[in-house]
Amino acid sequence: MNRKTLRRSILLVVLLLLVIYLFNNSGYSIIENNAIRNSYPFEDGQVLNENDYENKKVVIWKTNNGNYVKLIERKWGFLFHVSNVAVLQPMSPLIGNEGDIKRAWSASLNSKKMYETIFAVESDHPDIKRVIVSNDNIDNIIPDDLEEIKENSTVYIELKLEDDFATAYRELNTKDAGGFIFRGVNEKGEIIVLGR
């Protein structure tokens, strides 16, 4: 091997190590599972649920210390980065029993002045088949008709539980990203659990 080839090889190795170092410290990864594992809470785990949305994916990540919802973004088709994380916590319901639904939501402002919002729910209650997320007002009267709730909400999302979990991603206006109400609904559309 001549000197010129040796210099090019050394330069290539140094550049490759620099790129790997920069990716690891910036939170980007070439492997999606590494991006998930190397983001908060920085623990090994497993994916319990996932949904794709164009160049984004929402996953529920199970760890020994709890379940987390994570928003994974894909850049240039091969780089993965977790841009939002929230922990699923038991809801203190106004109707129903505590612990019937664990829920999480989190929103982050993007360059278009919209909130990238992730939702996740978990329920092992045998009668809860869907969870309705809305932003209607329940301060004075708590409606139980789903059509009325839909009419009075600017955000209305139906999350169908699959193996006790469901996730969603929405890009919301700033005025709509908050005040969410979670309703656990049975097959007949009756509300079993309601809370914030």
C-alpha atoms as a PDB file:
ATOM      1  CA  MET A   1       0.000   0.000   0.000  1.00  0.00           C
ATOM      2  CA  ASN A   2       1.463   3.347  -0.977  1.00  0.00           C
ATOM      3  CA  ARG A   3       1.440   6.494   1.174  1.00  0.00           C
ATOM      4  CA  LYS A   4      -1.379   8.181  -0.716  1.00  0.00           C
ATOM      5  CA  THR A   5      -3.734   5.219  -0.218  1.00  0.00           C
ATOM      6  CA  LEU A   6      -2.730   4.951   3.446  1.00  0.00           C
ATOM      7  CA  ARG A   7      -3.484   8.672   4.051  1.00  0.00           C
ATOM      8  CA  ARG A   8      -6.866   8.380   2.355  1.00  0.00           C
ATOM      9  CA  SER A   9      -7.728   5.308   4.434  1.00  0.00           C
ATOM     10  CA  ILE A  10      -6.753   7.039   7.672  1.00  0.00           C
ATOM     11  CA  LEU A  11      -8.713  10.159   6.695  1.00  0.00           C
ATOM     12  CA  LEU A  12     -11.761   8.047   5.831  1.00  0.00           C
ATOM     13  CA  VAL A  13     -11.613   6.207   9.188  1.00  0.00           C
ATOM     14  CA  VAL A  14     -11.230   9.504  11.091  1.00  0.00           C
ATOM     15  CA  LEU A  15     -14.202  11.027   9.218  1.00  0.00           C
ATOM     16  CA  LEU A  16     -16.291   7.928   9.868  1.00  0.00           C
ATOM     17  CA  LEU A  17     -15.496   8.026  13.604  1.00  0.00           C
ATOM     18  CA  LEU A  18     -16.289  11.752  13.697  1.00  0.00           C
ATOM     19  CA  VAL A  19     -19.665  11.194  12.011  1.00  0.00           C
ATOM     20  CA  ILE A  20     -20.525   8.358  14.430  1.00  0.00           C
ATOM     21  CA  TYR A  21     -19.517  10.538  17.403  1.00  0.00           C
ATOM     22  CA  LEU A  22     -21.609  13.488  16.182  1.00  0.00           C
ATOM     23  CA  PHE A  23     -24.669  11.302  15.537  1.00  0.00           C
ATOM     24  CA  ASN A  24     -24.475   9.686  18.977  1.00  0.00           C
ATOM     25  CA  ASN A  25     -24.203  13.060  20.723  1.00  0.00           C
ATOM     26  CA  SER A  26     -26.962  14.705  18.671  1.00  0.00           C
ATOM     27  CA  GLY A  27     -29.542  12.010  19.425  1.00  0.00           C
ATOM     28  CA  TYR A  28     -29.658  10.721  15.844  1.00  0.00           C
ATOM     29  CA  SER A  29     -29.176   7.097  14.999  1.00  0.00           C
ATOM     30  CA  ILE A  30     -29.107   5.003  11.853  1.00  0.00           C
ATOM     31  CA  ILE A  31     -31.077   2.280  13.684  1.00  0.00           C
ATOM     32  CA  GLU A  32     -34.563   3.191  14.926  1.00  0.00           C
ATOM     33  CA  ASN A  33     -34.366   0.965  18.022  1.00  0.00           C
ATOM     34  CA  ASN A  34     -31.117   2.673  19.080  1.00  0.00           C
ATOM     35  CA  ALA A  35     -32.774   6.094  18.805  1.00  0.00           C
ATOM     36  CA  ILE A  36     -35.608   4.880  21.052  1.00  0.00           C
ATOM     37  CA  ARG A  37     -33.265   3.281  23.600  1.00  0.00           C
ATOM     38  CA  ASN A  38     -30.878   6.263  23.672  1.00  0.00           C
ATOM     39  CA  SER A  39     -33.599   8.793  24.527  1.00  0.00           C
ATOM     40  CA  TYR A  40     -35.260   9.486  27.884  1.00  0.00           C
ATOM     41  CA  PRO A  41     -35.541   7.401  30.061  1.00  0.00           C
ATOM     42  CA  PHE A  42     -32.349   5.873  28.553  1.00  0.00           C
ATOM     43  CA  GLU A  43     -33.398   2.309  29.360  1.00  0.00           C
ATOM     44  CA  ASP A  44     -33.739  -0.914  27.461  1.00  0.00           C
ATOM     45  CA  GLY A  45     -37.256  -1.985  26.782  1.00  0.00           C
ATOM     46  CA  GLN A  46     -39.617  -3.150  24.113  1.00  0.00           C
ATOM     47  CA  VAL A  47     -42.110  -1.576  21.735  1.00  0.00           C
ATOM     48  CA  LEU A  48     -45.682  -2.417  22.798  1.00  0.00           C
ATOM     49  CA  ASN A  49     -47.536  -0.368  20.190  1.00  0.00           C
ATOM     50  CA  GLU A  50     -46.585   1.709  17.159  1.00  0.00           C
ATOM     51  CA  ASN A  51     -48.277   3.830  14.487  1.00  0.00           C
ATOM     52  CA  ASP A  52     -46.724   5.456  11.415  1.00  0.00           C
ATOM     53  CA  TYR A  53     -47.525   9.012  10.272  1.00  0.00           C
ATOM     54  CA  GLU A  54     -45.605   9.971   7.091  1.00  0.00           C
ATOM     55  CA  ASN A  55     -42.022  10.544   8.309  1.00  0.00           C
ATOM     56  CA  LYS A  56     -42.948  10.139  11.993  1.00  0.00           C
ATOM     57  CA  LYS A  57     -43.806   7.213  14.213  1.00  0.00           C
ATOM     58  CA  VAL A  58     -45.414   7.075  17.658  1.00  0.00           C
ATOM     59  CA  VAL A  59     -44.409   4.144  19.873  1.00  0.00           C
ATOM     60  CA  ILE A  60     -45.147   3.003  23.395  1.00  0.00           C
ATOM     61  CA  TRP A  61     -41.861   1.887  24.970  1.00  0.00           C
ATOM     62  CA  LYS A  62     -42.099  -0.509  27.943  1.00  0.00           C
ATOM     63  CA  THR A  63     -39.330  -0.317  30.548  1.00  0.00           C
ATOM     64  CA  ASN A  64     -38.941  -1.737  34.041  1.00  0.00           C
ATOM     65  CA  ASN A  65     -39.921   1.681  35.446  1.00  0.00           C
ATOM     66  CA  GLY A  66     -43.048   2.297  33.357  1.00  0.00           C
ATOM     67  CA  ASN A  67     -44.349   2.872  29.854  1.00  0.00           C
ATOM     68  CA  TYR A  68     -43.458   5.891  27.735  1.00  0.00           C
ATOM     69  CA  VAL A  69     -44.853   7.303  24.512  1.00  0.00           C
ATOM     70  CA  LYS A  70     -42.195   8.534  22.085  1.00  0.00           C
ATOM     71  CA  LEU A  71     -42.368  10.460  18.822  1.00  0.00           C
ATOM     72  CA  ILE A  72     -39.695   9.278  16.382  1.00  0.00           C
ATOM     73  CA  GLU A  73     -38.801  11.433  13.392  1.00  0.00           C
ATOM     74  CA  ARG A  74     -37.057  10.114  10.296  1.00  0.00           C
ATOM     75  CA  LYS A  75     -34.753  12.433   8.332  1.00  0.00           C
ATOM     76  CA  TRP A  76     -33.470  11.759   4.846  1.00  0.00           C
ATOM     77  CA  GLY A  77     -34.964   8.282   5.015  1.00  0.00           C
ATOM     78  CA  PHE A  78     -32.263   6.754   7.231  1.00  0.00           C
ATOM     79  CA  LEU A  79     -31.679   8.884  10.361  1.00  0.00           C
ATOM     80  CA  PHE A  80     -33.928   8.463  13.404  1.00  0.00           C
ATOM     81  CA  HIS A  81     -34.419  10.931  16.259  1.00  0.00           C
ATOM     82  CA  VAL A  82     -36.804  10.963  19.244  1.00  0.00           C
ATOM     83  CA  SER A  83     -38.254  14.471  19.454  1.00  0.00           C
ATOM     84  CA  ASN A  84     -40.902  14.075  22.167  1.00  0.00           C
ATOM     85  CA  VAL A  85     -41.432  11.773  25.171  1.00  0.00           C
ATOM     86  CA  ALA A  86     -44.129  11.449  27.847  1.00  0.00           C
ATOM     87  CA  VAL A  87     -44.771   8.890  30.572  1.00  0.00           C
ATOM     88  CA  LEU A  88     -48.118   7.082  30.842  1.00  0.00           C
ATOM     89  CA  GLN A  89     -49.672   7.773  34.233  1.00  0.00           C
ATOM     90  CA  PRO A  90     -52.902   6.675  35.911  1.00  0.00           C
ATOM     91  CA  MET A  91     -55.732   9.124  35.435  1.00  0.00           C
ATOM     92  CA  SER A  92     -57.708  10.424  38.418  1.00  0.00           C
ATOM     93  CA  PRO A  93     -61.196  10.128  36.953  1.00  0.00           C
ATOM     94  CA  LEU A  94     -64.328  12.164  37.575  1.00  0.00           C
ATOM     95  CA  ILE A  95     -66.314   9.086  36.515  1.00  0.00           C
ATOM     96  CA  GLY A  96     -65.030   5.540  37.004  1.00  0.00           C
ATOM     97  CA  ASN A  97     -62.178   4.060  38.988  1.00  0.00           C
ATOM     98  CA  GLU A  98     -58.620   5.305  39.331  1.00  0.00           C
ATOM     99  CA  GLY A  99     -56.209   3.243  37.266  1.00  0.00           C
ATOM    100  CA  ASP A 100     -58.766   2.124  34.675  1.00  0.00           C
ATOM    101  CA  ILE A 101     -56.936   4.315  32.150  1.00  0.00           C
ATOM    102  CA  LYS A 102     -53.316   5.368  32.015  1.00  0.00           C
ATOM    103  CA  ARG A 103     -52.772   8.243  29.641  1.00  0.00           C
ATOM    104  CA  ALA A 104     -50.139  10.623  28.340  1.00  0.00           C
ATOM    105  CA  TRP A 105     -49.975  13.519  25.966  1.00  0.00           C
ATOM    106  CA  SER A 106     -47.261  15.976  25.051  1.00  0.00           C
ATOM    107  CA  ALA A 107     -46.962  18.810  22.556  1.00  0.00           C
ATOM    108  CA  SER A 108     -43.988  20.624  21.050  1.00  0.00           C
ATOM    109  CA  LEU A 109     -44.033  23.680  18.810  1.00  0.00           C
ATOM    110  CA  ASN A 110     -42.660  23.175  15.292  1.00  0.00           C
ATOM    111  CA  SER A 111     -41.356  25.623  12.681  1.00  0.00           C
ATOM    112  CA  LYS A 112     -44.874  26.063  11.222  1.00  0.00           C
ATOM    113  CA  LYS A 113     -46.122  27.440  14.590  1.00  0.00           C
ATOM    114  CA  MET A 114     -48.179  24.268  15.090  1.00  0.00           C
ATOM    115  CA  TYR A 115     -47.994  21.868  18.019  1.00  0.00           C
ATOM    116  CA  GLU A 116     -46.868  18.339  17.202  1.00  0.00           C
ATOM    117  CA  THR A 117     -48.962  16.462  19.741  1.00  0.00           C
ATOM    118  CA  ILE A 118     -48.696  12.832  20.772  1.00  0.00           C
ATOM    119  CA  PHE A 119     -51.314  10.864  22.702  1.00  0.00           C
ATOM    120  CA  ALA A 120     -51.103   7.437  24.312  1.00  0.00           C
ATOM    121  CA  VAL A 121     -53.525   5.401  26.393  1.00  0.00           C
ATOM    122  CA  GLU A 122     -53.373   2.088  28.212  1.00  0.00           C
ATOM    123  CA  SER A 123     -56.288   0.211  29.734  1.00  0.00           C
ATOM    124  CA  ASP A 124     -56.715  -3.376  30.865  1.00  0.00           C
ATOM    125  CA  HIS A 125     -60.353  -2.740  31.846  1.00  0.00           C
ATOM    126  CA  PRO A 126     -62.241  -5.483  29.982  1.00  0.00           C
ATOM    127  CA  ASP A 127     -65.156  -3.229  28.945  1.00  0.00           C
ATOM    128  CA  ILE A 128     -63.123  -0.300  27.578  1.00  0.00           C
ATOM    129  CA  LYS A 129     -62.692  -0.767  23.826  1.00  0.00           C
ATOM    130  CA  ARG A 130     -61.948   2.834  22.765  1.00  0.00           C
ATOM    131  CA  VAL A 131     -60.692   5.991  24.391  1.00  0.00           C
ATOM    132  CA  ILE A 132     -62.054   9.309  23.141  1.00  0.00           C
ATOM    133  CA  VAL A 133     -59.730  12.302  23.459  1.00  0.00           C
ATOM    134  CA  SER A 134     -61.456  15.675  23.168  1.00  0.00           C
ATOM    135  CA  ASN A 135     -61.156  19.255  24.347  1.00  0.00           C
ATOM    136  CA  ASP A 136     -64.784  20.075  25.124  1.00  0.00           C
ATOM    137  CA  ASN A 137     -65.727  21.941  28.301  1.00  0.00           C
ATOM    138  CA  ILE A 138     -66.842  19.763  31.232  1.00  0.00           C
ATOM    139  CA  ASP A 139     -66.790  22.413  33.956  1.00  0.00           C
ATOM    140  CA  ASN A 140     -70.575  22.857  34.288  1.00  0.00           C
ATOM    141  CA  ILE A 141     -72.164  19.838  32.577  1.00  0.00           C
ATOM    142  CA  ILE A 142     -70.523  16.550  31.654  1.00  0.00           C
ATOM    143  CA  PRO A 143     -72.086  15.404  28.367  1.00  0.00           C
ATOM    144  CA  ASP A 144     -72.403  11.680  27.715  1.00  0.00           C
ATOM    145  CA  ASP A 145     -73.544  11.790  24.076  1.00  0.00           C
ATOM    146  CA  LEU A 146     -70.557  11.235  21.770  1.00  0.00           C
ATOM    147  CA  GLU A 147     -72.119  13.285  18.942  1.00  0.00           C
ATOM    148  CA  GLU A 148     -72.621  16.245  21.290  1.00  0.00           C
ATOM    149  CA  ILE A 149     -69.029  15.896  22.513  1.00  0.00           C
ATOM    150  CA  LYS A 150     -67.799  15.865  18.909  1.00  0.00           C
ATOM    151  CA  GLU A 151     -69.799  19.018  18.082  1.00  0.00           C
ATOM    152  CA  ASN A 152     -68.437  20.881  21.117  1.00  0.00           C
ATOM    153  CA  SER A 153     -64.789  19.956  20.493  1.00  0.00           C
ATOM    154  CA  THR A 154     -62.129  21.287  18.156  1.00  0.00           C
ATOM    155  CA  VAL A 155     -60.117  18.126  18.880  1.00  0.00           C
ATOM    156  CA  TYR A 156     -61.885  14.757  18.789  1.00  0.00           C
ATOM    157  CA  ILE A 157     -59.781  11.607  18.445  1.00  0.00           C
ATOM    158  CA  GLU A 158     -60.976   8.014  18.765  1.00  0.00           C
ATOM    159  CA  LEU A 159     -58.250   5.666  19.932  1.00  0.00           C
ATOM    160  CA  LYS A 160     -59.127   2.006  19.396  1.00  0.00           C
ATOM    161  CA  LEU A 161     -57.335  -0.170  21.928  1.00  0.00           C
ATOM    162  CA  GLU A 162     -55.206  -2.976  20.519  1.00  0.00           C
ATOM    163  CA  ASP A 163     -53.744  -5.286  23.161  1.00  0.00           C
ATOM    164  CA  ASP A 164     -54.656  -2.649  25.795  1.00  0.00           C
ATOM    165  CA  PHE A 165     -52.768   0.226  24.058  1.00  0.00           C
ATOM    166  CA  ALA A 166     -53.382   2.988  21.509  1.00  0.00           C
ATOM    167  CA  THR A 167     -51.469   6.023  20.220  1.00  0.00           C
ATOM    168  CA  ALA A 168     -52.086   9.022  17.997  1.00  0.00           C
ATOM    169  CA  TYR A 169     -50.209  11.965  16.503  1.00  0.00           C
ATOM    170  CA  ARG A 170     -51.789  15.266  15.473  1.00  0.00           C
ATOM    171  CA  GLU A 171     -50.501  18.650  14.390  1.00  0.00           C
ATOM    172  CA  LEU A 172     -52.686  21.149  16.274  1.00  0.00           C
ATOM    173  CA  ASN A 173     -53.202  24.895  16.355  1.00  0.00           C
ATOM    174  CA  THR A 174     -51.840  26.568  19.479  1.00  0.00           C
ATOM    175  CA  LYS A 175     -55.342  27.263  20.849  1.00  0.00           C
ATOM    176  CA  ASP A 176     -56.293  23.566  20.564  1.00  0.00           C
ATOM    177  CA  ALA A 177     -53.234  21.956  22.187  1.00  0.00           C
ATOM    178  CA  GLY A 178     -54.403  21.502  25.762  1.00  0.00           C
ATOM    179  CA  GLY A 179     -57.290  20.836  28.123  1.00  0.00           C
ATOM    180  CA  PHE A 180     -57.735  17.274  26.899  1.00  0.00           C
ATOM    181  CA  ILE A 181     -60.370  14.976  28.342  1.00  0.00           C
ATOM    182  CA  PHE A 182     -60.054  11.194  28.127  1.00  0.00           C
ATOM    183  CA  ARG A 183     -63.170   9.009  28.039  1.00  0.00           C
ATOM    184  CA  GLY A 184     -63.075   5.215  28.186  1.00  0.00           C
ATOM    185  CA  VAL A 185     -65.946   3.875  26.085  1.00  0.00           C
ATOM    186  CA  ASN A 186     -67.434   0.387  25.777  1.00  0.00           C
ATOM    187  CA  GLU A 187     -68.687  -1.320  22.584  1.00  0.00           C
ATOM    188  CA  LYS A 188     -72.100   0.368  22.885  1.00  0.00           C
ATOM    189  CA  GLY A 189     -70.558   3.858  23.115  1.00  0.00           C
ATOM    190  CA  GLU A 190     -71.289   4.225  26.824  1.00  0.00           C
ATOM    191  CA  ILE A 191     -68.737   6.196  28.851  1.00  0.00           C
ATOM    192  CA  ILE A 192     -67.204   4.096  31.632  1.00  0.00           C
ATOM    193  CA  VAL A 193     -64.308   6.328  32.676  1.00  0.00           C
ATOM    194  CA  LEU A 194     -63.847  10.092  32.275  1.00  0.00           C
ATOM    195  CA  GLY A 195     -61.035  12.342  33.387  1.00  0.00           C
ATOM    196  CA  ARG A 196     -58.245  14.734  32.431  1.00  0.00           C
END
